[in-house]
Amino acid sequence: MPPRLILASTSPYRRTLLARLGVEFTATAPRCDEETLKGTMGALPPQALAEALAEAKARSLLPEAHADVVIGSDQLVEIDGRILGKPGSAARAQEQLGSMSGREHHLVTAMVILHAGRIWRHTDSARLTMRRLDPWAIERYVARDKPLDCAGAYKLEAGGVALFSAIACDDHSAITGLPLLAVTRILAEIGFAVP
């Protein structure tokens, strides 16, 4: 019998993605302050920052997880070396979308799985090109999808798909918050019966 699976996240997007695999799991809030960690790791390049945050989230649950499997994940948007996180407000969402309008950016999704002293790491970097959007289109979109809790201020799985002219990535589920292709491979290696 495989160990218990713990998702170190309260994200409804990650919970929905992991549930697609048909494995039982518990979603638990990480026991670390992400904003404080970002402040101490701010000099890291975007991919390294996402990877460090994903690992910190997973490790924060290890003391109570014992022999369980813990998944941590983090996601950020990078444009011109600048990191865009969750906007938190409609005004900031509109500002973020305006800065990406007509341009290409990267959406970095890092994932770490910890189990029995082992660590698996996986990072996806999607390249997305946003259509040129006028301020009114941006305002309408933000009012419709309310992407205030999404890195980059868009929900590709909802109306946000209409904001883009091109998307290049290896795993579309990573864009929503958890790279299921890698998660499936690793969980099967650990012994989970993933269809």
N, C-alpha and C. Protein backbone atom coordinates (compact mmCIF):
# COMPACT_ATOMS: atom_id res chain seq x y z
N MET A 1 0.85 -1.19 0.00
CA MET A 1 0.00 0.00 0.00
C MET A 1 0.89 1.24 0.00
N PRO A 2 0.61 2.18 -0.92
CA PRO A 2 1.46 3.37 -0.99
C PRO A 2 1.25 4.26 0.23
N PRO A 3 2.20 5.14 0.50
CA PRO A 3 2.06 6.08 1.61
C PRO A 3 0.97 7.11 1.32
N ARG A 4 0.64 7.87 2.33
CA ARG A 4 -0.36 8.94 2.18
C ARG A 4 0.25 10.07 1.35
N LEU A 5 -0.56 10.69 0.53
CA LEU A 5 -0.12 11.77 -0.35
C LEU A 5 -0.61 13.10 0.21
N ILE A 6 0.31 14.06 0.35
CA ILE A 6 -0.03 15.38 0.87
C ILE A 6 0.36 16.43 -0.16
N LEU A 7 -0.57 17.28 -0.51
CA LEU A 7 -0.31 18.42 -1.38
C LEU A 7 -0.10 19.64 -0.49
N ALA A 8 1.09 20.20 -0.52
CA ALA A 8 1.42 21.36 0.33
C ALA A 8 0.89 22.63 -0.34
N SER A 9 -0.42 22.76 -0.35
CA SER A 9 -1.04 23.89 -1.04
C SER A 9 -2.51 24.00 -0.64
N THR A 10 -3.00 25.23 -0.63
CA THR A 10 -4.43 25.45 -0.46
C THR A 10 -5.05 25.94 -1.77
N SER A 11 -4.25 25.93 -2.85
CA SER A 11 -4.72 26.40 -4.15
C SER A 11 -5.84 25.51 -4.68
N PRO A 12 -7.00 26.08 -4.98
CA PRO A 12 -8.06 25.26 -5.56
C PRO A 12 -7.68 24.73 -6.94
N TYR A 13 -6.82 25.43 -7.66
CA TYR A 13 -6.38 25.01 -8.99
C TYR A 13 -5.52 23.75 -8.88
N ARG A 14 -4.57 23.75 -7.94
CA ARG A 14 -3.71 22.57 -7.77
C ARG A 14 -4.51 21.38 -7.25
N ARG A 15 -5.45 21.63 -6.36
CA ARG A 15 -6.29 20.53 -5.84
C ARG A 15 -7.07 19.89 -6.98
N THR A 16 -7.67 20.71 -7.82
CA THR A 16 -8.45 20.21 -8.96
C THR A 16 -7.57 19.41 -9.91
N LEU A 17 -6.37 19.90 -10.18
CA LEU A 17 -5.46 19.19 -11.07
C LEU A 17 -5.07 17.83 -10.49
N LEU A 18 -4.65 17.80 -9.22
CA LEU A 18 -4.22 16.53 -8.63
C LEU A 18 -5.37 15.54 -8.55
N ALA A 19 -6.57 16.02 -8.31
CA ALA A 19 -7.75 15.14 -8.24
C ALA A 19 -7.99 14.44 -9.58
N ARG A 20 -7.55 15.03 -10.67
CA ARG A 20 -7.72 14.41 -11.99
C ARG A 20 -7.00 13.07 -12.09
N LEU A 21 -5.98 12.85 -11.27
CA LEU A 21 -5.21 11.61 -11.34
C LEU A 21 -5.90 10.45 -10.64
N GLY A 22 -6.96 10.73 -9.88
CA GLY A 22 -7.71 9.67 -9.23
C GLY A 22 -7.01 9.04 -8.04
N VAL A 23 -6.06 9.75 -7.44
CA VAL A 23 -5.38 9.25 -6.24
C VAL A 23 -5.89 10.05 -5.04
N GLU A 24 -5.98 9.38 -3.89
CA GLU A 24 -6.41 10.08 -2.68
C GLU A 24 -5.27 10.95 -2.17
N PHE A 25 -5.63 12.15 -1.71
CA PHE A 25 -4.62 13.04 -1.16
C PHE A 25 -5.27 14.01 -0.18
N THR A 26 -4.43 14.64 0.61
CA THR A 26 -4.87 15.68 1.52
C THR A 26 -4.17 16.97 1.11
N ALA A 27 -4.91 18.06 1.07
CA ALA A 27 -4.31 19.37 0.79
C ALA A 27 -4.13 20.09 2.13
N THR A 28 -2.91 20.51 2.40
CA THR A 28 -2.57 21.16 3.65
C THR A 28 -1.78 22.43 3.36
N ALA A 29 -2.09 23.49 4.07
CA ALA A 29 -1.35 24.74 3.90
C ALA A 29 0.10 24.54 4.31
N PRO A 30 1.04 25.01 3.50
CA PRO A 30 2.45 24.92 3.89
C PRO A 30 2.69 25.71 5.18
N ARG A 31 3.64 25.27 5.97
CA ARG A 31 3.95 25.92 7.24
C ARG A 31 5.13 26.89 7.07
N CYS A 32 5.07 27.68 6.01
CA CYS A 32 6.11 28.69 5.78
C CYS A 32 5.45 29.94 5.22
N ASP A 33 6.09 31.06 5.44
CA ASP A 33 5.57 32.34 4.96
C ASP A 33 6.22 32.65 3.61
N GLU A 34 5.44 32.47 2.56
CA GLU A 34 5.96 32.61 1.20
C GLU A 34 6.52 34.01 0.94
N GLU A 35 5.83 35.03 1.42
CA GLU A 35 6.29 36.41 1.16
C GLU A 35 7.62 36.68 1.86
N THR A 36 7.78 36.18 3.09
CA THR A 36 9.06 36.36 3.79
C THR A 36 10.16 35.62 3.05
N LEU A 37 9.87 34.39 2.59
CA LEU A 37 10.86 33.63 1.83
C LEU A 37 11.26 34.36 0.56
N LYS A 38 10.29 34.93 -0.13
CA LYS A 38 10.60 35.67 -1.36
C LYS A 38 11.55 36.82 -1.05
N GLY A 39 11.34 37.47 0.09
CA GLY A 39 12.20 38.58 0.48
C GLY A 39 13.63 38.14 0.72
N THR A 40 13.81 36.94 1.26
CA THR A 40 15.16 36.46 1.52
C THR A 40 15.80 35.83 0.29
N MET A 41 14.98 35.45 -0.69
CA MET A 41 15.50 34.80 -1.90
C MET A 41 15.39 35.68 -3.13
N GLY A 42 15.05 36.93 -2.94
CA GLY A 42 14.74 37.83 -4.05
C GLY A 42 15.81 37.95 -5.11
N ALA A 43 17.08 37.69 -4.77
CA ALA A 43 18.16 37.84 -5.75
C ALA A 43 18.27 36.64 -6.69
N LEU A 44 17.53 35.58 -6.43
CA LEU A 44 17.59 34.40 -7.28
C LEU A 44 16.94 34.68 -8.64
N PRO A 45 17.44 34.04 -9.70
CA PRO A 45 16.75 34.14 -10.99
C PRO A 45 15.35 33.52 -10.86
N PRO A 46 14.42 33.90 -11.74
CA PRO A 46 13.03 33.44 -11.61
C PRO A 46 12.87 31.93 -11.46
N GLN A 47 13.53 31.13 -12.29
CA GLN A 47 13.36 29.68 -12.20
C GLN A 47 13.89 29.15 -10.86
N ALA A 48 15.04 29.62 -10.44
CA ALA A 48 15.62 29.18 -9.16
C ALA A 48 14.74 29.59 -7.99
N LEU A 49 14.12 30.78 -8.09
CA LEU A 49 13.22 31.24 -7.02
C LEU A 49 11.99 30.33 -6.92
N ALA A 50 11.36 30.02 -8.06
CA ALA A 50 10.19 29.14 -8.05
C ALA A 50 10.56 27.77 -7.49
N GLU A 51 11.73 27.25 -7.88
CA GLU A 51 12.16 25.94 -7.39
C GLU A 51 12.42 25.96 -5.88
N ALA A 52 13.06 27.02 -5.39
CA ALA A 52 13.34 27.13 -3.96
C ALA A 52 12.05 27.25 -3.15
N LEU A 53 11.08 27.99 -3.66
CA LEU A 53 9.80 28.15 -2.96
C LEU A 53 9.02 26.83 -2.95
N ALA A 54 9.02 26.11 -4.07
CA ALA A 54 8.33 24.82 -4.12
C ALA A 54 8.92 23.86 -3.10
N GLU A 55 10.24 23.84 -3.02
CA GLU A 55 10.89 22.94 -2.07
C GLU A 55 10.62 23.36 -0.62
N ALA A 56 10.67 24.66 -0.36
CA ALA A 56 10.40 25.15 1.00
C ALA A 56 8.99 24.79 1.45
N LYS A 57 8.02 24.89 0.55
CA LYS A 57 6.64 24.52 0.88
C LYS A 57 6.54 23.04 1.23
N ALA A 58 7.16 22.19 0.42
CA ALA A 58 7.12 20.75 0.69
C ALA A 58 7.84 20.42 1.99
N ARG A 59 9.03 20.97 2.19
CA ARG A 59 9.81 20.69 3.41
C ARG A 59 9.11 21.18 4.67
N SER A 60 8.31 22.22 4.55
CA SER A 60 7.64 22.77 5.74
C SER A 60 6.67 21.77 6.36
N LEU A 61 6.22 20.77 5.59
CA LEU A 61 5.28 19.77 6.11
C LEU A 61 5.96 18.46 6.51
N LEU A 62 7.27 18.34 6.26
CA LEU A 62 7.96 17.09 6.57
C LEU A 62 7.88 16.69 8.04
N PRO A 63 8.01 17.62 9.00
CA PRO A 63 7.96 17.18 10.40
C PRO A 63 6.70 16.40 10.77
N GLU A 64 5.58 16.73 10.14
CA GLU A 64 4.34 16.02 10.47
C GLU A 64 4.00 14.93 9.44
N ALA A 65 4.74 14.90 8.32
CA ALA A 65 4.41 13.97 7.24
C ALA A 65 5.03 12.59 7.44
N HIS A 66 6.11 12.49 8.20
CA HIS A 66 6.80 11.22 8.48
C HIS A 66 7.10 10.47 7.18
N ALA A 67 6.47 9.34 6.93
CA ALA A 67 6.77 8.52 5.76
C ALA A 67 5.87 8.84 4.57
N ASP A 68 5.15 9.93 4.65
CA ASP A 68 4.23 10.29 3.58
C ASP A 68 4.97 10.89 2.39
N VAL A 69 4.22 11.13 1.32
CA VAL A 69 4.73 11.80 0.13
C VAL A 69 4.18 13.22 0.14
N VAL A 70 5.07 14.19 -0.01
CA VAL A 70 4.65 15.60 0.02
C VAL A 70 4.99 16.25 -1.31
N ILE A 71 4.00 16.94 -1.88
CA ILE A 71 4.19 17.68 -3.13
C ILE A 71 4.14 19.17 -2.82
N GLY A 72 5.16 19.90 -3.23
CA GLY A 72 5.18 21.36 -3.14
C GLY A 72 5.30 21.93 -4.54
N SER A 73 4.67 23.07 -4.76
CA SER A 73 4.73 23.69 -6.08
C SER A 73 4.70 25.20 -5.95
N ASP A 74 5.31 25.87 -6.91
CA ASP A 74 5.25 27.32 -6.95
C ASP A 74 5.23 27.76 -8.41
N GLN A 75 4.67 28.93 -8.61
CA GLN A 75 4.50 29.42 -9.98
C GLN A 75 4.71 30.92 -9.99
N LEU A 76 5.39 31.39 -11.03
CA LEU A 76 5.56 32.83 -11.20
C LEU A 76 5.68 33.16 -12.67
N VAL A 77 5.42 34.41 -12.97
CA VAL A 77 5.53 34.92 -14.33
C VAL A 77 6.77 35.80 -14.39
N GLU A 78 7.53 35.64 -15.47
CA GLU A 78 8.74 36.44 -15.67
C GLU A 78 8.63 37.16 -17.00
N ILE A 79 8.84 38.47 -16.96
CA ILE A 79 8.89 39.27 -18.18
C ILE A 79 10.01 40.29 -18.01
N ASP A 80 10.93 40.28 -18.95
CA ASP A 80 12.09 41.19 -18.91
C ASP A 80 12.86 41.10 -17.60
N GLY A 81 12.95 39.89 -17.03
CA GLY A 81 13.68 39.72 -15.78
C GLY A 81 12.91 40.14 -14.55
N ARG A 82 11.72 40.66 -14.74
CA ARG A 82 10.86 41.09 -13.62
C ARG A 82 9.88 39.96 -13.30
N ILE A 83 9.66 39.73 -12.02
CA ILE A 83 8.76 38.67 -11.59
C ILE A 83 7.39 39.25 -11.25
N LEU A 84 6.37 38.63 -11.82
CA LEU A 84 4.99 39.01 -11.51
C LEU A 84 4.36 37.86 -10.72
N GLY A 85 3.84 38.16 -9.57
CA GLY A 85 3.17 37.15 -8.76
C GLY A 85 1.67 37.32 -8.85
N LYS A 86 0.99 36.96 -7.78
CA LYS A 86 -0.46 37.11 -7.72
C LYS A 86 -0.78 38.58 -7.50
N PRO A 87 -1.63 39.18 -8.34
CA PRO A 87 -1.86 40.62 -8.22
C PRO A 87 -2.58 41.05 -6.94
N GLY A 88 -3.56 40.27 -6.49
CA GLY A 88 -4.25 40.60 -5.25
C GLY A 88 -5.33 41.66 -5.36
N SER A 89 -5.30 42.47 -6.40
CA SER A 89 -6.34 43.50 -6.59
C SER A 89 -6.60 43.67 -8.08
N ALA A 90 -7.79 44.20 -8.41
CA ALA A 90 -8.14 44.41 -9.82
C ALA A 90 -7.19 45.41 -10.47
N ALA A 91 -6.82 46.46 -9.74
CA ALA A 91 -5.92 47.48 -10.30
C ALA A 91 -4.56 46.88 -10.64
N ARG A 92 -4.02 46.05 -9.75
CA ARG A 92 -2.72 45.43 -10.02
C ARG A 92 -2.84 44.39 -11.13
N ALA A 93 -3.97 43.68 -11.20
CA ALA A 93 -4.18 42.72 -12.28
C ALA A 93 -4.17 43.44 -13.63
N GLN A 94 -4.85 44.57 -13.71
CA GLN A 94 -4.88 45.34 -14.95
C GLN A 94 -3.49 45.86 -15.30
N GLU A 95 -2.74 46.27 -14.30
CA GLU A 95 -1.38 46.75 -14.53
C GLU A 95 -0.49 45.63 -15.07
N GLN A 96 -0.58 44.44 -14.46
CA GLN A 96 0.22 43.31 -14.93
C GLN A 96 -0.13 42.95 -16.37
N LEU A 97 -1.41 42.84 -16.66
CA LEU A 97 -1.84 42.48 -18.02
C LEU A 97 -1.41 43.55 -19.02
N GLY A 98 -1.49 44.80 -18.63
CA GLY A 98 -1.05 45.88 -19.50
C GLY A 98 0.43 45.77 -19.83
N SER A 99 1.25 45.36 -18.85
CA SER A 99 2.69 45.23 -19.08
C SER A 99 3.02 44.06 -20.02
N MET A 100 2.11 43.08 -20.13
CA MET A 100 2.35 41.93 -21.00
C MET A 100 1.66 42.05 -22.35
N SER A 101 0.79 43.03 -22.51
CA SER A 101 0.02 43.18 -23.74
C SER A 101 0.93 43.28 -24.96
N GLY A 102 0.66 42.40 -25.96
CA GLY A 102 1.43 42.42 -27.20
C GLY A 102 2.84 41.86 -27.06
N ARG A 103 3.12 41.20 -25.95
CA ARG A 103 4.49 40.75 -25.68
C ARG A 103 4.53 39.28 -25.26
N GLU A 104 5.74 38.75 -25.23
CA GLU A 104 5.97 37.38 -24.80
C GLU A 104 6.48 37.39 -23.35
N HIS A 105 6.05 36.39 -22.59
CA HIS A 105 6.56 36.22 -21.22
C HIS A 105 6.68 34.73 -20.93
N HIS A 106 7.28 34.41 -19.79
CA HIS A 106 7.44 33.02 -19.37
C HIS A 106 6.65 32.77 -18.09
N LEU A 107 5.98 31.64 -18.05
CA LEU A 107 5.28 31.19 -16.85
C LEU A 107 6.06 29.98 -16.34
N VAL A 108 6.69 30.14 -15.17
CA VAL A 108 7.54 29.10 -14.59
C VAL A 108 6.75 28.37 -13.51
N THR A 109 6.65 27.06 -13.64
CA THR A 109 5.97 26.22 -12.64
C THR A 109 6.98 25.20 -12.14
N ALA A 110 7.32 25.31 -10.85
CA ALA A 110 8.27 24.38 -10.23
C ALA A 110 7.51 23.45 -9.30
N MET A 111 7.94 22.18 -9.26
CA MET A 111 7.29 21.19 -8.41
C MET A 111 8.37 20.31 -7.78
N VAL A 112 8.17 20.00 -6.50
CA VAL A 112 9.08 19.14 -5.75
C VAL A 112 8.25 18.07 -5.07
N ILE A 113 8.72 16.83 -5.11
CA ILE A 113 8.08 15.74 -4.37
C ILE A 113 9.12 15.15 -3.43
N LEU A 114 8.75 15.04 -2.15
CA LEU A 114 9.63 14.50 -1.12
C LEU A 114 9.03 13.20 -0.59
N HIS A 115 9.89 12.18 -0.45
CA HIS A 115 9.44 10.92 0.13
C HIS A 115 10.63 10.08 0.57
N ALA A 116 10.61 9.64 1.80
CA ALA A 116 11.60 8.70 2.35
C ALA A 116 13.04 9.14 2.08
N GLY A 117 13.29 10.42 2.32
CA GLY A 117 14.64 10.95 2.14
C GLY A 117 15.03 11.25 0.71
N ARG A 118 14.14 11.00 -0.23
CA ARG A 118 14.41 11.29 -1.64
C ARG A 118 13.70 12.57 -2.06
N ILE A 119 14.24 13.19 -3.09
CA ILE A 119 13.62 14.40 -3.62
C ILE A 119 13.58 14.31 -5.15
N TRP A 120 12.42 14.61 -5.69
CA TRP A 120 12.24 14.70 -7.14
C TRP A 120 11.92 16.16 -7.45
N ARG A 121 12.56 16.70 -8.45
CA ARG A 121 12.32 18.09 -8.85
C ARG A 121 11.92 18.12 -10.32
N HIS A 122 11.01 19.02 -10.63
CA HIS A 122 10.60 19.20 -12.03
C HIS A 122 10.16 20.65 -12.22
N THR A 123 10.61 21.26 -13.31
CA THR A 123 10.22 22.64 -13.61
C THR A 123 9.80 22.74 -15.06
N ASP A 124 8.67 23.38 -15.28
CA ASP A 124 8.19 23.67 -16.62
C ASP A 124 8.27 25.18 -16.85
N SER A 125 8.67 25.58 -18.03
CA SER A 125 8.66 26.99 -18.39
C SER A 125 7.88 27.14 -19.69
N ALA A 126 6.71 27.73 -19.58
CA ALA A 126 5.87 27.94 -20.77
C ALA A 126 6.17 29.33 -21.34
N ARG A 127 6.18 29.42 -22.65
CA ARG A 127 6.37 30.69 -23.34
C ARG A 127 5.02 31.12 -23.91
N LEU A 128 4.53 32.25 -23.44
CA LEU A 128 3.20 32.71 -23.85
C LEU A 128 3.30 34.08 -24.50
N THR A 129 2.59 34.26 -25.60
CA THR A 129 2.54 35.55 -26.28
C THR A 129 1.13 36.09 -26.17
N MET A 130 1.02 37.27 -25.56
CA MET A 130 -0.29 37.88 -25.35
C MET A 130 -0.64 38.77 -26.56
N ARG A 131 -1.90 38.74 -26.94
CA ARG A 131 -2.37 39.64 -27.99
C ARG A 131 -2.24 41.08 -27.50
N ARG A 132 -2.23 42.03 -28.41
CA ARG A 132 -2.23 43.44 -28.01
C ARG A 132 -3.65 43.76 -27.51
N LEU A 133 -3.75 44.21 -26.28
CA LEU A 133 -5.05 44.45 -25.65
C LEU A 133 -5.18 45.92 -25.26
N ASP A 134 -6.33 46.51 -25.54
CA ASP A 134 -6.54 47.88 -25.08
C ASP A 134 -6.99 47.85 -23.62
N PRO A 135 -6.90 48.98 -22.92
CA PRO A 135 -7.25 49.02 -21.49
C PRO A 135 -8.67 48.53 -21.19
N TRP A 136 -9.60 48.75 -22.13
CA TRP A 136 -10.98 48.34 -21.89
C TRP A 136 -11.11 46.82 -21.95
N ALA A 137 -10.40 46.19 -22.87
CA ALA A 137 -10.42 44.73 -22.96
C ALA A 137 -9.83 44.12 -21.69
N ILE A 138 -8.76 44.71 -21.19
CA ILE A 138 -8.13 44.23 -19.96
C ILE A 138 -9.09 44.37 -18.79
N GLU A 139 -9.74 45.52 -18.69
CA GLU A 139 -10.69 45.76 -17.60
C GLU A 139 -11.85 44.77 -17.65
N ARG A 140 -12.38 44.52 -18.86
CA ARG A 140 -13.47 43.55 -19.02
C ARG A 140 -13.03 42.15 -18.60
N TYR A 141 -11.81 41.78 -19.03
CA TYR A 141 -11.33 40.45 -18.68
C TYR A 141 -11.18 40.29 -17.16
N VAL A 142 -10.59 41.25 -16.51
CA VAL A 142 -10.38 41.16 -15.06
C VAL A 142 -11.72 41.08 -14.33
N ALA A 143 -12.71 41.85 -14.80
CA ALA A 143 -14.04 41.80 -14.18
C ALA A 143 -14.68 40.42 -14.40
N ARG A 144 -14.42 39.81 -15.53
CA ARG A 144 -15.04 38.51 -15.84
C ARG A 144 -14.41 37.36 -15.06
N ASP A 145 -13.09 37.20 -15.16
CA ASP A 145 -12.43 36.03 -14.56
C ASP A 145 -11.94 36.25 -13.13
N LYS A 146 -11.81 37.52 -12.74
CA LYS A 146 -11.30 37.85 -11.39
C LYS A 146 -10.02 37.05 -11.06
N PRO A 147 -8.96 37.23 -11.86
CA PRO A 147 -7.74 36.43 -11.69
C PRO A 147 -6.79 37.01 -10.64
N LEU A 148 -7.32 37.43 -9.53
CA LEU A 148 -6.52 38.12 -8.52
C LEU A 148 -5.57 37.19 -7.77
N ASP A 149 -5.87 35.89 -7.79
CA ASP A 149 -5.03 34.92 -7.08
C ASP A 149 -4.18 34.09 -8.03
N CYS A 150 -3.96 34.62 -9.24
CA CYS A 150 -3.21 33.87 -10.26
C CYS A 150 -1.96 34.65 -10.67
N ALA A 151 -0.82 33.97 -10.69
CA ALA A 151 0.41 34.60 -11.15
C ALA A 151 0.20 35.13 -12.57
N GLY A 152 0.51 36.38 -12.78
CA GLY A 152 0.35 36.98 -14.10
C GLY A 152 -1.04 37.52 -14.38
N ALA A 153 -1.98 37.29 -13.47
CA ALA A 153 -3.33 37.85 -13.57
C ALA A 153 -4.15 37.31 -14.74
N TYR A 154 -4.01 36.00 -15.02
CA TYR A 154 -4.89 35.40 -16.02
C TYR A 154 -5.18 33.96 -15.65
N LYS A 155 -6.33 33.48 -16.12
CA LYS A 155 -6.74 32.09 -15.93
C LYS A 155 -6.88 31.47 -17.31
N LEU A 156 -5.85 30.77 -17.72
CA LEU A 156 -5.85 30.17 -19.04
C LEU A 156 -6.94 29.11 -19.19
N GLU A 157 -7.30 28.46 -18.06
CA GLU A 157 -8.33 27.43 -18.09
C GLU A 157 -9.73 28.02 -18.17
N ALA A 158 -9.83 29.35 -18.11
CA ALA A 158 -11.13 30.04 -18.21
C ALA A 158 -11.06 31.00 -19.40
N GLY A 159 -11.59 32.19 -19.24
CA GLY A 159 -11.62 33.16 -20.34
C GLY A 159 -10.26 33.70 -20.73
N GLY A 160 -9.26 33.49 -19.89
CA GLY A 160 -7.93 34.00 -20.17
C GLY A 160 -7.29 33.46 -21.43
N VAL A 161 -7.75 32.32 -21.91
CA VAL A 161 -7.19 31.75 -23.14
C VAL A 161 -7.36 32.72 -24.30
N ALA A 162 -8.39 33.56 -24.27
CA ALA A 162 -8.64 34.51 -25.36
C ALA A 162 -7.65 35.67 -25.37
N LEU A 163 -6.82 35.78 -24.34
CA LEU A 163 -5.85 36.87 -24.27
C LEU A 163 -4.60 36.59 -25.11
N PHE A 164 -4.43 35.34 -25.55
CA PHE A 164 -3.15 34.92 -26.13
C PHE A 164 -3.22 34.62 -27.62
N SER A 165 -2.07 34.87 -28.28
CA SER A 165 -1.95 34.52 -29.70
C SER A 165 -1.10 33.27 -29.88
N ALA A 166 -0.27 32.92 -28.88
CA ALA A 166 0.56 31.72 -28.98
C ALA A 166 0.95 31.24 -27.59
N ILE A 167 1.02 29.91 -27.44
CA ILE A 167 1.43 29.27 -26.19
C ILE A 167 2.33 28.10 -26.56
N ALA A 168 3.53 28.06 -25.98
CA ALA A 168 4.45 26.96 -26.23
C ALA A 168 4.87 26.38 -24.89
N CYS A 169 4.56 25.08 -24.68
CA CYS A 169 4.94 24.42 -23.43
C CYS A 169 4.93 22.92 -23.63
N ASP A 170 5.54 22.22 -22.67
CA ASP A 170 5.59 20.76 -22.73
C ASP A 170 4.40 20.11 -22.04
N ASP A 171 3.81 20.81 -21.06
CA ASP A 171 2.73 20.23 -20.26
C ASP A 171 1.73 21.33 -19.92
N HIS A 172 0.58 21.31 -20.58
CA HIS A 172 -0.40 22.37 -20.37
C HIS A 172 -0.93 22.43 -18.94
N SER A 173 -0.93 21.30 -18.23
CA SER A 173 -1.41 21.33 -16.85
C SER A 173 -0.49 22.17 -15.96
N ALA A 174 0.77 22.29 -16.33
CA ALA A 174 1.71 23.12 -15.56
C ALA A 174 1.27 24.57 -15.56
N ILE A 175 0.65 25.02 -16.64
CA ILE A 175 0.20 26.41 -16.72
C ILE A 175 -0.85 26.69 -15.65
N THR A 176 -1.67 25.70 -15.34
CA THR A 176 -2.71 25.88 -14.32
C THR A 176 -2.15 25.74 -12.91
N GLY A 177 -0.95 25.17 -12.76
CA GLY A 177 -0.34 25.16 -11.44
C GLY A 177 0.37 23.91 -10.99
N LEU A 178 0.23 22.79 -11.73
CA LEU A 178 0.88 21.55 -11.31
C LEU A 178 1.17 20.70 -12.55
N PRO A 179 2.44 20.37 -12.82
CA PRO A 179 2.79 19.61 -14.02
C PRO A 179 2.41 18.13 -13.88
N LEU A 180 1.22 17.77 -14.33
CA LEU A 180 0.69 16.43 -14.11
C LEU A 180 1.48 15.33 -14.81
N LEU A 181 2.11 15.63 -15.92
CA LEU A 181 2.90 14.59 -16.59
C LEU A 181 4.03 14.13 -15.67
N ALA A 182 4.74 15.06 -15.07
CA ALA A 182 5.83 14.72 -14.15
C ALA A 182 5.29 14.10 -12.87
N VAL A 183 4.20 14.66 -12.33
CA VAL A 183 3.62 14.13 -11.09
C VAL A 183 3.22 12.67 -11.30
N THR A 184 2.57 12.36 -12.42
CA THR A 184 2.14 10.99 -12.71
C THR A 184 3.32 10.03 -12.76
N ARG A 185 4.37 10.42 -13.47
CA ARG A 185 5.56 9.58 -13.59
C ARG A 185 6.18 9.30 -12.22
N ILE A 186 6.31 10.32 -11.39
CA ILE A 186 6.96 10.17 -10.08
C ILE A 186 6.10 9.36 -9.13
N LEU A 187 4.79 9.64 -9.09
CA LEU A 187 3.91 8.89 -8.20
C LEU A 187 3.87 7.41 -8.58
N ALA A 188 3.88 7.11 -9.88
CA ALA A 188 3.91 5.71 -10.32
C ALA A 188 5.21 5.05 -9.87
N GLU A 189 6.31 5.78 -9.94
CA GLU A 189 7.60 5.24 -9.48
C GLU A 189 7.57 4.93 -7.98
N ILE A 190 6.88 5.77 -7.21
CA ILE A 190 6.79 5.57 -5.76
C ILE A 190 5.87 4.39 -5.43
N GLY A 191 4.89 4.11 -6.30
CA GLY A 191 4.01 2.96 -6.06
C GLY A 191 2.54 3.28 -6.06
N PHE A 192 2.17 4.49 -6.45
CA PHE A 192 0.75 4.84 -6.54
C PHE A 192 0.16 4.25 -7.82
N ALA A 193 -1.07 3.80 -7.71
CA ALA A 193 -1.78 3.25 -8.88
C ALA A 193 -2.43 4.40 -9.62
N VAL A 194 -1.66 5.01 -10.52
CA VAL A 194 -2.18 6.12 -11.32
C VAL A 194 -2.63 5.54 -12.65
N PRO A 195 -3.88 5.79 -13.06
CA PRO A 195 -4.37 5.19 -14.32
C PRO A 195 -3.46 5.49 -15.50
